[in-house]
Structures are given as structure tokens and as C-alpha cells.
Amino acid sequence: MATRQSIEDCINRCEAAILYANDQFTEAKKQEHYYDVEFSEAQQGLENAVLELEKLTDSSNAQQREQLHRIRLKVQQLQNKLILQDHDHPLYSTWH
């Protein structure tokens, strides 16, 4: 069974990943392709958060699973926003 501390630590790491990814999303909307590395790191941080949540969910009780599920939804919503930002492909072409 997961300890209360391990759940709190996981949620704190997820929230940190969410904050960083939100910052990168905001920058990506402003700067488009100038921060590719940071944008990719933000996406990787969110993916790592999802993987950690999945592992911890397996050993948690019902109340803990509910907490983890709520934070996972937040992480996945932000993952979707980053994907839809389409940071890897410019909106316009410089080729004529």
C-alpha cells in the first residue's frame, strides 16, 4: 500500500511538471520555435508524471486512487494542449 507521504510527493512532482509545462506552453504561443528543447522537456516531464501516477495507483487505496486520478486528468489535459500546439511544425511555410 502506498504511504500518504509517497502520494503527496508524487502529487507535488506532478504539480511541478504541470507548472513547468504551462510556462512552456505560454512561451510556445509567444515564441513558436525558439524554445524547442524546453518544450520537449515539458512534454517529457508530463509523460514521466503519468507513468509515476500509473505505478503508484496500483498500490493505493480507493481514496488515494481518487486523488491520483484527479491529478492525472490535469496532466493529460495539459499533454493534449501541448500536442495541439503543434510546436514541431510551423503554421506557415517560408518556402514559396
PDB file of N, CA and C in Angstrom:
ATOM      1  N   MET A   1       0.834  -1.180   0.000  1.00  0.00           N
ATOM      2  CA  MET A   1       0.000   0.000   0.000  1.00  0.00           C
ATOM      3  C   MET A   1       0.881   1.246   0.000  1.00  0.00           C
ATOM      4  N   ALA A   2       0.470   2.225  -0.757  1.00  0.00           N
ATOM      5  CA  ALA A   2       1.217   3.475  -0.857  1.00  0.00           C
ATOM      6  C   ALA A   2       1.050   4.283   0.431  1.00  0.00           C
ATOM      7  N   THR A   3       2.123   4.916   0.842  1.00  0.00           N
ATOM      8  CA  THR A   3       2.039   5.750   2.038  1.00  0.00           C
ATOM      9  C   THR A   3       1.494   7.122   1.674  1.00  0.00           C
ATOM     10  N   ARG A   4       0.988   7.795   2.676  1.00  0.00           N
ATOM     11  CA  ARG A   4       0.464   9.146   2.460  1.00  0.00           C
ATOM     12  C   ARG A   4       1.568  10.057   1.939  1.00  0.00           C
ATOM     13  N   GLN A   5       2.769   9.885   2.467  1.00  0.00           N
ATOM     14  CA  GLN A   5       3.898  10.716   2.037  1.00  0.00           C
ATOM     15  C   GLN A   5       4.255  10.459   0.573  1.00  0.00           C
ATOM     16  N   SER A   6       4.231   9.203   0.156  1.00  0.00           N
ATOM     17  CA  SER A   6       4.566   8.907  -1.243  1.00  0.00           C
ATOM     18  C   SER A   6       3.523   9.495  -2.192  1.00  0.00           C
ATOM     19  N   ILE A   7       2.266   9.502  -1.776  1.00  0.00           N
ATOM     20  CA  ILE A   7       1.205  10.113  -2.586  1.00  0.00           C
ATOM     21  C   ILE A   7       1.430  11.620  -2.682  1.00  0.00           C
ATOM     22  N   GLU A   8       1.702  12.256  -1.544  1.00  0.00           N
ATOM     23  CA  GLU A   8       1.943  13.702  -1.535  1.00  0.00           C
ATOM     24  C   GLU A   8       3.155  14.069  -2.385  1.00  0.00           C
ATOM     25  N   ASP A   9       4.224  13.291  -2.268  1.00  0.00           N
ATOM     26  CA  ASP A   9       5.428  13.557  -3.060  1.00  0.00           C
ATOM     27  C   ASP A   9       5.136  13.443  -4.554  1.00  0.00           C
ATOM     28  N   CYS A  10       4.400  12.425  -4.920  1.00  0.00           N
ATOM     29  CA  CYS A  10       4.044  12.224  -6.325  1.00  0.00           C
ATOM     30  C   CYS A  10       3.196  13.388  -6.837  1.00  0.00           C
ATOM     31  N   ILE A  11       2.207  13.783  -6.058  1.00  0.00           N
ATOM     32  CA  ILE A  11       1.342  14.896  -6.462  1.00  0.00           C
ATOM     33  C   ILE A  11       2.154  16.184  -6.586  1.00  0.00           C
ATOM     34  N   ASN A  12       3.088  16.408  -5.672  1.00  0.00           N
ATOM     35  CA  ASN A  12       3.943  17.598  -5.751  1.00  0.00           C
ATOM     36  C   ASN A  12       4.798  17.589  -7.017  1.00  0.00           C
ATOM     37  N   ARG A  13       5.350  16.425  -7.367  1.00  0.00           N
ATOM     38  CA  ARG A  13       6.147  16.327  -8.595  1.00  0.00           C
ATOM     39  C   ARG A  13       5.269  16.560  -9.827  1.00  0.00           C
ATOM     40  N   CYS A  14       4.059  16.036  -9.794  1.00  0.00           N
ATOM     41  CA  CYS A  14       3.132  16.241 -10.915  1.00  0.00           C
ATOM     42  C   CYS A  14       2.767  17.716 -11.052  1.00  0.00           C
ATOM     43  N   GLU A  15       2.507  18.366  -9.933  1.00  0.00           N
ATOM     44  CA  GLU A  15       2.168  19.787  -9.983  1.00  0.00           C
ATOM     45  C   GLU A  15       3.337  20.620 -10.488  1.00  0.00           C
ATOM     46  N   ALA A  16       4.556  20.244 -10.117  1.00  0.00           N
ATOM     47  CA  ALA A  16       5.735  20.946 -10.627  1.00  0.00           C
ATOM     48  C   ALA A  16       5.850  20.754 -12.141  1.00  0.00           C
ATOM     49  N   ALA A  17       5.590  19.547 -12.615  1.00  0.00           N
ATOM     50  CA  ALA A  17       5.626  19.284 -14.060  1.00  0.00           C
ATOM     51  C   ALA A  17       4.541  20.082 -14.775  1.00  0.00           C
ATOM     52  N   ILE A  18       3.377  20.197 -14.155  1.00  0.00           N
ATOM     53  CA  ILE A  18       2.277  20.969 -14.738  1.00  0.00           C
ATOM     54  C   ILE A  18       2.655  22.445 -14.830  1.00  0.00           C
ATOM     55  N   LEU A  19       3.228  22.989 -13.770  1.00  0.00           N
ATOM     56  CA  LEU A  19       3.629  24.403 -13.781  1.00  0.00           C
ATOM     57  C   LEU A  19       4.667  24.671 -14.868  1.00  0.00           C
ATOM     58  N   TYR A  20       5.669  23.805 -14.957  1.00  0.00           N
ATOM     59  CA  TYR A  20       6.711  23.978 -15.968  1.00  0.00           C
ATOM     60  C   TYR A  20       6.123  23.871 -17.374  1.00  0.00           C
ATOM     61  N   ALA A  21       5.262  22.889 -17.575  1.00  0.00           N
ATOM     62  CA  ALA A  21       4.654  22.703 -18.895  1.00  0.00           C
ATOM     63  C   ALA A  21       3.746  23.875 -19.256  1.00  0.00           C
ATOM     64  N   ASN A  22       3.017  24.398 -18.288  1.00  0.00           N
ATOM     65  CA  ASN A  22       2.180  25.573 -18.553  1.00  0.00           C
ATOM     66  C   ASN A  22       3.033  26.763 -18.970  1.00  0.00           C
ATOM     67  N   ASP A  23       4.160  26.956 -18.293  1.00  0.00           N
ATOM     68  CA  ASP A  23       5.072  28.041 -18.664  1.00  0.00           C
ATOM     69  C   ASP A  23       5.580  27.851 -20.092  1.00  0.00           C
ATOM     70  N   GLN A  24       5.954  26.632 -20.426  1.00  0.00           N
ATOM     71  CA  GLN A  24       6.465  26.358 -21.768  1.00  0.00           C
ATOM     72  C   GLN A  24       5.372  26.507 -22.823  1.00  0.00           C
ATOM     73  N   PHE A  25       4.154  26.144 -22.470  1.00  0.00           N
ATOM     74  CA  PHE A  25       3.029  26.314 -23.390  1.00  0.00           C
ATOM     75  C   PHE A  25       2.814  27.798 -23.680  1.00  0.00           C
ATOM     76  N   THR A  26       2.861  28.606 -22.637  1.00  0.00           N
ATOM     77  CA  THR A  26       2.696  30.052 -22.797  1.00  0.00           C
ATOM     78  C   THR A  26       3.808  30.623 -23.668  1.00  0.00           C
ATOM     79  N   GLU A  27       5.040  30.200 -23.416  1.00  0.00           N
ATOM     80  CA  GLU A  27       6.168  30.666 -24.223  1.00  0.00           C
ATOM     81  C   GLU A  27       6.052  30.198 -25.671  1.00  0.00           C
ATOM     82  N   ALA A  28       5.592  28.987 -25.861  1.00  0.00           N
ATOM     83  CA  ALA A  28       5.463  28.445 -27.217  1.00  0.00           C
ATOM     84  C   ALA A  28       4.446  29.251 -28.020  1.00  0.00           C
ATOM     85  N   LYS A  29       3.393  29.693 -27.361  1.00  0.00           N
ATOM     86  CA  LYS A  29       2.396  30.501 -28.067  1.00  0.00           C
ATOM     87  C   LYS A  29       2.986  31.844 -28.478  1.00  0.00           C
ATOM     88  N   LYS A  30       3.895  32.378 -27.671  1.00  0.00           N
ATOM     89  CA  LYS A  30       4.508  33.675 -27.969  1.00  0.00           C
ATOM     90  C   LYS A  30       5.654  33.544 -28.961  1.00  0.00           C
ATOM     91  N   GLN A  31       6.531  32.581 -28.722  1.00  0.00           N
ATOM     92  CA  GLN A  31       7.805  32.500 -29.430  1.00  0.00           C
ATOM     93  C   GLN A  31       7.856  31.442 -30.520  1.00  0.00           C
ATOM     94  N   GLU A  32       6.881  30.611 -30.608  1.00  0.00           N
ATOM     95  CA  GLU A  32       6.812  29.487 -31.528  1.00  0.00           C
ATOM     96  C   GLU A  32       8.001  28.549 -31.392  1.00  0.00           C
ATOM     97  N   HIS A  33       9.045  28.666 -32.191  1.00  0.00           N
ATOM     98  CA  HIS A  33      10.062  27.613 -32.266  1.00  0.00           C
ATOM     99  C   HIS A  33      11.381  27.950 -31.592  1.00  0.00           C
ATOM    100  N   TYR A  34      11.410  28.924 -30.742  1.00  0.00           N
ATOM    101  CA  TYR A  34      12.675  29.314 -30.137  1.00  0.00           C
ATOM    102  C   TYR A  34      13.047  28.483 -28.918  1.00  0.00           C
ATOM    103  N   TYR A  35      12.098  27.774 -28.351  1.00  0.00           N
ATOM    104  CA  TYR A  35      12.366  27.015 -27.130  1.00  0.00           C
ATOM    105  C   TYR A  35      11.995  25.546 -27.305  1.00  0.00           C
ATOM    106  N   ASP A  36      12.468  24.935 -28.385  1.00  0.00           N
ATOM    107  CA  ASP A  36      12.122  23.548 -28.684  1.00  0.00           C
ATOM    108  C   ASP A  36      12.571  22.581 -27.593  1.00  0.00           C
ATOM    109  N   VAL A  37      13.773  22.770 -27.065  1.00  0.00           N
ATOM    110  CA  VAL A  37      14.297  21.851 -26.051  1.00  0.00           C
ATOM    111  C   VAL A  37      13.442  21.913 -24.794  1.00  0.00           C
ATOM    112  N   GLU A  38      13.156  23.117 -24.333  1.00  0.00           N
ATOM    113  CA  GLU A  38      12.353  23.274 -23.126  1.00  0.00           C
ATOM    114  C   GLU A  38      10.939  22.729 -23.324  1.00  0.00           C
ATOM    115  N   PHE A  39      10.393  22.952 -24.505  1.00  0.00           N
ATOM    116  CA  PHE A  39       9.057  22.454 -24.823  1.00  0.00           C
ATOM    117  C   PHE A  39       9.042  20.928 -24.770  1.00  0.00           C
ATOM    118  N   SER A  40      10.058  20.308 -25.349  1.00  0.00           N
ATOM    119  CA  SER A  40      10.166  18.844 -25.323  1.00  0.00           C
ATOM    120  C   SER A  40      10.379  18.325 -23.906  1.00  0.00           C
ATOM    121  N   GLU A  41      11.177  19.042 -23.127  1.00  0.00           N
ATOM    122  CA  GLU A  41      11.392  18.644 -21.732  1.00  0.00           C
ATOM    123  C   GLU A  41      10.090  18.712 -20.939  1.00  0.00           C
ATOM    124  N   ALA A  42       9.278  19.714 -21.221  1.00  0.00           N
ATOM    125  CA  ALA A  42       7.986  19.839 -20.543  1.00  0.00           C
ATOM    126  C   ALA A  42       7.091  18.654 -20.892  1.00  0.00           C
ATOM    127  N   GLN A  43       7.071  18.281 -22.167  1.00  0.00           N
ATOM    128  CA  GLN A  43       6.276  17.126 -22.578  1.00  0.00           C
ATOM    129  C   GLN A  43       6.782  15.850 -21.911  1.00  0.00           C
ATOM    130  N   GLN A  44       8.097  15.695 -21.841  1.00  0.00           N
ATOM    131  CA  GLN A  44       8.671  14.507 -21.208  1.00  0.00           C
ATOM    132  C   GLN A  44       8.358  14.486 -19.716  1.00  0.00           C
ATOM    133  N   GLY A  45       8.400  15.642 -19.080  1.00  0.00           N
ATOM    134  CA  GLY A  45       8.062  15.721 -17.662  1.00  0.00           C
ATOM    135  C   GLY A  45       6.631  15.288 -17.392  1.00  0.00           C
ATOM    136  N   LEU A  46       5.722  15.683 -18.268  1.00  0.00           N
ATOM    137  CA  LEU A  46       4.325  15.268 -18.114  1.00  0.00           C
ATOM    138  C   LEU A  46       4.175  13.765 -18.334  1.00  0.00           C
ATOM    139  N   GLU A  47       4.884  13.236 -19.311  1.00  0.00           N
ATOM    140  CA  GLU A  47       4.811  11.791 -19.561  1.00  0.00           C
ATOM    141  C   GLU A  47       5.368  11.011 -18.374  1.00  0.00           C
ATOM    142  N   ASN A  48       6.465  11.492 -17.809  1.00  0.00           N
ATOM    143  CA  ASN A  48       7.026  10.844 -16.619  1.00  0.00           C
ATOM    144  C   ASN A  48       6.041  10.892 -15.457  1.00  0.00           C
ATOM    145  N   ALA A  49       5.319  11.998 -15.341  1.00  0.00           N
ATOM    146  CA  ALA A  49       4.315  12.125 -14.282  1.00  0.00           C
ATOM    147  C   ALA A  49       3.211  11.087 -14.464  1.00  0.00           C
ATOM    148  N   VAL A  50       2.757  10.900 -15.695  1.00  0.00           N
ATOM    149  CA  VAL A  50       1.712   9.904 -15.960  1.00  0.00           C
ATOM    150  C   VAL A  50       2.204   8.504 -15.591  1.00  0.00           C
ATOM    151  N   LEU A  51       3.432   8.189 -15.966  1.00  0.00           N
ATOM    152  CA  LEU A  51       3.983   6.867 -15.654  1.00  0.00           C
ATOM    153  C   LEU A  51       4.097   6.654 -14.148  1.00  0.00           C
ATOM    154  N   GLU A  52       4.532   7.684 -13.438  1.00  0.00           N
ATOM    155  CA  GLU A  52       4.640   7.577 -11.979  1.00  0.00           C
ATOM    156  C   GLU A  52       3.257   7.406 -11.348  1.00  0.00           C
ATOM    157  N   LEU A  53       2.284   8.142 -11.858  1.00  0.00           N
ATOM    158  CA  LEU A  53       0.919   8.021 -11.342  1.00  0.00           C
ATOM    159  C   LEU A  53       0.370   6.612 -11.560  1.00  0.00           C
ATOM    160  N   GLU A  54       0.642   6.047 -12.723  1.00  0.00           N
ATOM    161  CA  GLU A  54       0.172   4.688 -13.012  1.00  0.00           C
ATOM    162  C   GLU A  54       0.757   3.683 -12.031  1.00  0.00           C
ATOM    163  N   LYS A  55       2.054   3.793 -11.776  1.00  0.00           N
ATOM    164  CA  LYS A  55       2.710   2.866 -10.849  1.00  0.00           C
ATOM    165  C   LYS A  55       2.142   2.998  -9.444  1.00  0.00           C
ATOM    166  N   LEU A  56       1.972   4.230  -9.000  1.00  0.00           N
ATOM    167  CA  LEU A  56       1.502   4.465  -7.638  1.00  0.00           C
ATOM    168  C   LEU A  56       0.043   4.062  -7.471  1.00  0.00           C
ATOM    169  N   THR A  57      -0.741   4.199  -8.516  1.00  0.00           N
ATOM    170  CA  THR A  57      -2.157   3.835  -8.459  1.00  0.00           C
ATOM    171  C   THR A  57      -2.332   2.353  -8.147  1.00  0.00           C
ATOM    172  N   ASP A  58      -1.426   1.536  -8.655  1.00  0.00           N
ATOM    173  CA  ASP A  58      -1.520   0.087  -8.428  1.00  0.00           C
ATOM    174  C   ASP A  58      -1.434  -0.291  -6.953  1.00  0.00           C
ATOM    175  N   SER A  59      -0.756   0.526  -6.165  1.00  0.00           N
ATOM    176  CA  SER A  59      -0.574   0.172  -4.756  1.00  0.00           C
ATOM    177  C   SER A  59      -1.295   1.129  -3.809  1.00  0.00           C
ATOM    178  N   SER A  60      -2.311   1.812  -4.295  1.00  0.00           N
ATOM    179  CA  SER A  60      -3.006   2.790  -3.455  1.00  0.00           C
ATOM    180  C   SER A  60      -4.407   2.309  -3.087  1.00  0.00           C
ATOM    181  N   ASN A  61      -4.948   2.919  -2.040  1.00  0.00           N
ATOM    182  CA  ASN A  61      -6.320   2.591  -1.648  1.00  0.00           C
ATOM    183  C   ASN A  61      -7.295   3.456  -2.450  1.00  0.00           C
ATOM    184  N   ALA A  62      -8.583   3.289  -2.213  1.00  0.00           N
ATOM    185  CA  ALA A  62      -9.605   3.972  -3.018  1.00  0.00           C
ATOM    186  C   ALA A  62      -9.494   5.494  -2.931  1.00  0.00           C
ATOM    187  N   GLN A  63      -9.288   6.021  -1.744  1.00  0.00           N
ATOM    188  CA  GLN A  63      -9.184   7.473  -1.586  1.00  0.00           C
ATOM    189  C   GLN A  63      -7.944   8.009  -2.302  1.00  0.00           C
ATOM    190  N   GLN A  64      -6.836   7.305  -2.171  1.00  0.00           N
ATOM    191  CA  GLN A  64      -5.609   7.720  -2.844  1.00  0.00           C
ATOM    192  C   GLN A  64      -5.756   7.636  -4.356  1.00  0.00           C
ATOM    193  N   ARG A  65      -6.428   6.588  -4.826  1.00  0.00           N
ATOM    194  CA  ARG A  65      -6.651   6.455  -6.272  1.00  0.00           C
ATOM    195  C   ARG A  65      -7.442   7.638  -6.813  1.00  0.00           C
ATOM    196  N   GLU A  66      -8.411   8.102  -6.038  1.00  0.00           N
ATOM    197  CA  GLU A  66      -9.205   9.260  -6.462  1.00  0.00           C
ATOM    198  C   GLU A  66      -8.322  10.502  -6.578  1.00  0.00           C
ATOM    199  N   GLN A  67      -7.453  10.720  -5.602  1.00  0.00           N
ATOM    200  CA  GLN A  67      -6.522  11.856  -5.657  1.00  0.00           C
ATOM    201  C   GLN A  67      -5.618  11.749  -6.882  1.00  0.00           C
ATOM    202  N   LEU A  68      -5.077  10.575  -7.091  1.00  0.00           N
ATOM    203  CA  LEU A  68      -4.170  10.362  -8.214  1.00  0.00           C
ATOM    204  C   LEU A  68      -4.897  10.499  -9.544  1.00  0.00           C
ATOM    205  N   HIS A  69      -6.133  10.060  -9.587  1.00  0.00           N
ATOM    206  CA  HIS A  69      -6.918  10.174 -10.818  1.00  0.00           C
ATOM    207  C   HIS A  69      -7.148  11.643 -11.175  1.00  0.00           C
ATOM    208  N   ARG A  70      -7.461  12.462 -10.170  1.00  0.00           N
ATOM    209  CA  ARG A  70      -7.705  13.885 -10.430  1.00  0.00           C
ATOM    210  C   ARG A  70      -6.463  14.584 -10.973  1.00  0.00           C
ATOM    211  N   ILE A  71      -5.311  14.296 -10.385  1.00  0.00           N
ATOM    212  CA  ILE A  71      -4.089  14.942 -10.871  1.00  0.00           C
ATOM    213  C   ILE A  71      -3.713  14.391 -12.246  1.00  0.00           C
ATOM    214  N   ARG A  72      -3.994  13.118 -12.481  1.00  0.00           N
ATOM    215  CA  ARG A  72      -3.699  12.537 -13.795  1.00  0.00           C
ATOM    216  C   ARG A  72      -4.533  13.209 -14.887  1.00  0.00           C
ATOM    217  N   LEU A  73      -5.787  13.513 -14.587  1.00  0.00           N
ATOM    218  CA  LEU A  73      -6.619  14.217 -15.563  1.00  0.00           C
ATOM    219  C   LEU A  73      -6.029  15.579 -15.908  1.00  0.00           C
ATOM    220  N   LYS A  74      -5.524  16.285 -14.903  1.00  0.00           N
ATOM    221  CA  LYS A  74      -4.895  17.588 -15.150  1.00  0.00           C
ATOM    222  C   LYS A  74      -3.664  17.434 -16.045  1.00  0.00           C
ATOM    223  N   VAL A  75      -2.857  16.426 -15.738  1.00  0.00           N
ATOM    224  CA  VAL A  75      -1.644  16.190 -16.520  1.00  0.00           C
ATOM    225  C   VAL A  75      -2.007  15.858 -17.967  1.00  0.00           C
ATOM    226  N   GLN A  76      -2.976  14.987 -18.150  1.00  0.00           N
ATOM    227  CA  GLN A  76      -3.346  14.574 -19.502  1.00  0.00           C
ATOM    228  C   GLN A  76      -3.998  15.705 -20.295  1.00  0.00           C
ATOM    229  N   GLN A  77      -4.760  16.556 -19.636  1.00  0.00           N
ATOM    230  CA  GLN A  77      -5.333  17.713 -20.333  1.00  0.00           C
ATOM    231  C   GLN A  77      -4.226  18.620 -20.854  1.00  0.00           C
ATOM    232  N   LEU A  78      -3.217  18.826 -20.033  1.00  0.00           N
ATOM    233  CA  LEU A  78      -2.105  19.669 -20.457  1.00  0.00           C
ATOM    234  C   LEU A  78      -1.289  18.994 -21.556  1.00  0.00           C
ATOM    235  N   GLN A  79      -1.122  17.685 -21.470  1.00  0.00           N
ATOM    236  CA  GLN A  79      -0.446  16.967 -22.553  1.00  0.00           C
ATOM    237  C   GLN A  79      -1.174  17.210 -23.873  1.00  0.00           C
ATOM    238  N   ASN A  80      -2.479  17.137 -23.844  1.00  0.00           N
ATOM    239  CA  ASN A  80      -3.269  17.363 -25.054  1.00  0.00           C
ATOM    240  C   ASN A  80      -3.087  18.783 -25.580  1.00  0.00           C
ATOM    241  N   LYS A  81      -3.065  19.767 -24.679  1.00  0.00           N
ATOM    242  CA  LYS A  81      -2.850  21.151 -25.108  1.00  0.00           C
ATOM    243  C   LYS A  81      -1.500  21.307 -25.793  1.00  0.00           C
ATOM    244  N   LEU A  82      -0.474  20.669 -25.236  1.00  0.00           N
ATOM    245  CA  LEU A  82       0.859  20.771 -25.826  1.00  0.00           C
ATOM    246  C   LEU A  82       0.905  20.100 -27.192  1.00  0.00           C
ATOM    247  N   ILE A  83       0.233  18.983 -27.315  1.00  0.00           N
ATOM    248  CA  ILE A  83       0.195  18.296 -28.608  1.00  0.00           C
ATOM    249  C   ILE A  83      -0.515  19.160 -29.641  1.00  0.00           C
ATOM    250  N   LEU A  84      -1.617  19.757 -29.242  1.00  0.00           N
ATOM    251  CA  LEU A  84      -2.374  20.591 -30.172  1.00  0.00           C
ATOM    252  C   LEU A  84      -1.651  21.883 -30.523  1.00  0.00           C
ATOM    253  N   GLN A  85      -0.704  22.285 -29.695  1.00  0.00           N
ATOM    254  CA  GLN A  85       0.103  23.469 -30.001  1.00  0.00           C
ATOM    255  C   GLN A  85       0.893  23.241 -31.284  1.00  0.00           C
ATOM    256  N   ASP A  86       1.165  21.961 -31.608  1.00  0.00           N
ATOM    257  CA  ASP A  86       1.873  21.596 -32.838  1.00  0.00           C
ATOM    258  C   ASP A  86       3.172  22.376 -32.959  1.00  0.00           C
ATOM    259  N   HIS A  87       3.973  22.299 -31.937  1.00  0.00           N
ATOM    260  CA  HIS A  87       5.207  23.073 -31.838  1.00  0.00           C
ATOM    261  C   HIS A  87       6.258  22.655 -32.864  1.00  0.00           C
ATOM    262  N   ASP A  88       6.186  21.428 -33.330  1.00  0.00           N
ATOM    263  CA  ASP A  88       7.207  20.936 -34.251  1.00  0.00           C
ATOM    264  C   ASP A  88       7.016  21.411 -35.686  1.00  0.00           C
ATOM    265  N   HIS A  89       5.840  21.907 -36.001  1.00  0.00           N
ATOM    266  CA  HIS A  89       5.561  22.292 -37.379  1.00  0.00           C
ATOM    267  C   HIS A  89       5.065  23.732 -37.422  1.00  0.00           C
ATOM    268  N   PRO A  90       5.731  24.585 -38.182  1.00  0.00           N
ATOM    269  CA  PRO A  90       5.290  25.977 -38.246  1.00  0.00           C
ATOM    270  C   PRO A  90       3.913  26.097 -38.889  1.00  0.00           C
ATOM    271  N   LEU A  91       3.224  27.154 -38.524  1.00  0.00           N
ATOM    272  CA  LEU A  91       1.900  27.389 -39.080  1.00  0.00           C
ATOM    273  C   LEU A  91       1.970  27.902 -40.514  1.00  0.00           C
ATOM    274  N   TYR A  92       3.105  28.387 -40.901  1.00  0.00           N
ATOM    275  CA  TYR A  92       3.281  28.896 -42.251  1.00  0.00           C
ATOM    276  C   TYR A  92       4.609  28.390 -42.790  1.00  0.00           C
ATOM    277  N   SER A  93       4.743  28.406 -44.065  1.00  0.00           N
ATOM    278  CA  SER A  93       5.972  27.926 -44.681  1.00  0.00           C
ATOM    279  C   SER A  93       6.778  29.102 -45.206  1.00  0.00           C
ATOM    280  N   THR A  94       8.092  29.001 -45.095  1.00  0.00           N
ATOM    281  CA  THR A  94       8.957  30.037 -45.650  1.00  0.00           C
ATOM    282  C   THR A  94       9.340  29.698 -47.086  1.00  0.00           C
ATOM    283  N   TRP A  95       8.948  28.514 -47.536  1.00  0.00           N
ATOM    284  CA  TRP A  95       9.221  28.109 -48.914  1.00  0.00           C
ATOM    285  C   TRP A  95       8.108  28.623 -49.811  1.00  0.00           C
ATOM    286  N   HIS A  96       8.463  29.122 -50.942  1.00  0.00           N
ATOM    287  CA  HIS A  96       7.458  29.636 -51.883  1.00  0.00           C
ATOM    288  C   HIS A  96       7.353  28.754 -53.086  1.00  0.00           C
TER     289      HIS A  96
END
